[in-house]
Amino acid sequence: MYRSNSYDETFSKEMRNPEFAQQYLLELISNEDEPMTIEEALRFAIRRMGTSDFAKLVKEQKQTVDKFLKGERHPKQETLDKFLRPFGLKTVLNVKVVTKKRAA
C-alpha cells in the first residue's frame, strides 16, 4: 500500500486515543501564532495519520475523505461532526451581536 511522506504510523495510533486527538486538534485551532480552521486542522491530521486509517476510524468511505483532503469537497456541519466524533468533539455555530457606530 502506498503511503505519503507525511504518514506517521505512531501518530496514527495515538489519534485513536480520544484524549490525545482532542488535545491535538484543539491545539491546532487555538494556536496563538498560527491558528487553523477546523477543516485545516483535520486535513493536517489526516495527512499525518493516513487517509485509510482516518476513513476507518470515522467510518467513512476513503473516497469521501480523499475529496475532503484535496479540497474538492467542503463538508457540511454533519460531516464535520462525523469526522470529529471519534475525538469527542463537535462543531458549534456561534452568533454574536455586532454594533455599528453611527456616523456623526
Protein backbone atom coordinates (compact mmCIF):
# COMPACT_ATOMS: atom_id res chain seq x y z
CA MET A 1 0.00 0.00 0.00
CA TYR A 2 1.28 3.47 -0.89
CA ARG A 3 1.77 5.90 1.99
CA SER A 4 2.53 9.58 1.60
CA ASN A 5 5.72 11.05 3.00
CA SER A 6 3.71 12.74 5.75
CA TYR A 7 2.27 9.42 7.05
CA ASP A 8 3.27 8.73 10.64
CA GLU A 9 2.30 5.29 11.95
CA THR A 10 2.90 6.24 15.58
CA PHE A 11 0.77 9.36 15.20
CA SER A 12 -2.00 7.32 13.56
CA LYS A 13 -2.08 5.03 16.60
CA GLU A 14 -2.03 7.99 19.01
CA MET A 15 -5.01 9.55 17.22
CA ARG A 16 -7.07 6.52 18.22
CA ASN A 17 -6.82 7.82 21.79
CA PRO A 18 -9.68 10.37 22.02
CA GLU A 19 -7.94 12.42 24.71
CA PHE A 20 -4.74 12.75 22.67
CA ALA A 21 -6.63 13.50 19.45
CA GLN A 22 -8.88 16.06 21.12
CA GLN A 23 -5.96 17.91 22.66
CA TYR A 24 -4.02 17.78 19.38
CA LEU A 25 -6.85 19.18 17.23
CA LEU A 26 -7.80 21.85 19.77
CA GLU A 27 -4.18 22.99 19.94
CA LEU A 28 -4.08 23.37 16.15
CA ILE A 29 -7.22 25.52 16.05
CA SER A 30 -6.40 27.62 19.12
CA ASN A 31 -2.69 28.16 18.45
CA GLU A 32 -1.90 31.83 19.13
CA ASP A 33 0.74 32.15 16.43
CA GLU A 34 -0.96 30.34 13.54
CA PRO A 35 -4.48 29.15 14.34
CA MET A 36 -6.10 26.78 11.83
CA THR A 37 -9.72 26.37 10.88
CA ILE A 38 -11.22 23.03 11.90
CA GLU A 39 -11.04 21.92 8.25
CA GLU A 40 -7.34 22.82 8.05
CA ALA A 41 -6.63 21.02 11.32
CA LEU A 42 -8.45 17.90 10.14
CA ARG A 43 -6.61 17.92 6.80
CA PHE A 44 -3.29 18.28 8.62
CA ALA A 45 -4.12 15.38 10.95
CA ILE A 46 -5.44 13.18 8.11
CA ARG A 47 -2.23 13.62 6.14
CA ARG A 48 -0.20 12.51 9.16
CA MET A 49 -2.41 9.58 10.12
CA GLY A 50 -3.20 8.39 6.60
CA THR A 51 -6.42 8.57 4.62
CA SER A 52 -7.24 4.88 5.02
CA ASP A 53 -6.68 4.91 8.78
CA PHE A 54 -8.77 8.06 9.19
CA ALA A 55 -11.59 6.73 6.97
CA LYS A 56 -11.77 3.54 9.05
CA LEU A 57 -11.77 5.50 12.30
CA VAL A 58 -14.64 7.80 11.26
CA LYS A 59 -16.49 5.02 9.35
CA GLU A 60 -16.49 6.96 6.09
CA GLN A 61 -15.55 5.97 2.55
CA LYS A 62 -11.91 6.61 1.67
CA GLN A 63 -13.00 8.46 -1.50
CA THR A 64 -15.01 10.94 0.59
CA VAL A 65 -12.01 11.60 2.82
CA ASP A 66 -9.72 11.92 -0.24
CA LYS A 67 -12.01 14.57 -1.78
CA PHE A 68 -12.09 16.48 1.50
CA LEU A 69 -8.31 16.23 1.81
CA LYS A 70 -7.79 17.56 -1.73
CA GLY A 71 -10.19 20.46 -1.14
CA GLU A 72 -12.65 19.13 -3.73
CA ARG A 73 -15.32 18.81 -1.09
CA HIS A 74 -16.30 21.22 1.65
CA PRO A 75 -18.26 19.16 4.16
CA LYS A 76 -21.50 20.14 5.78
CA GLN A 77 -21.60 20.55 9.54
CA GLU A 78 -22.99 17.00 9.89
CA THR A 79 -19.98 15.56 8.04
CA LEU A 80 -17.51 17.60 10.08
CA ASP A 81 -19.23 16.31 13.21
CA LYS A 82 -18.86 12.74 11.90
CA PHE A 83 -15.15 13.39 11.33
CA LEU A 84 -14.80 14.82 14.86
CA ARG A 85 -16.99 12.33 16.77
CA PRO A 86 -14.23 9.74 17.48
CA PHE A 87 -12.22 12.53 19.11
CA GLY A 88 -15.03 13.65 21.41
CA LEU A 89 -15.50 16.92 19.51
CA LYS A 90 -18.41 18.59 17.73
CA THR A 91 -18.82 21.80 15.75
CA VAL A 92 -20.87 24.64 17.21
CA LEU A 93 -22.32 27.59 15.36
CA ASN A 94 -21.98 30.87 17.23
CA VAL A 95 -23.74 34.15 16.59
CA LYS A 96 -22.71 37.40 18.17
CA VAL A 97 -24.11 40.89 18.11
CA VAL A 98 -22.17 43.39 16.07
CA THR A 99 -22.93 47.03 16.76
CA LYS A 100 -22.32 49.68 14.16
CA LYS A 101 -21.11 53.10 15.12
CA ARG A 102 -23.24 55.92 13.84
CA ALA A 103 -21.64 58.43 11.55
CA ALA A 104 -21.55 61.89 13.13
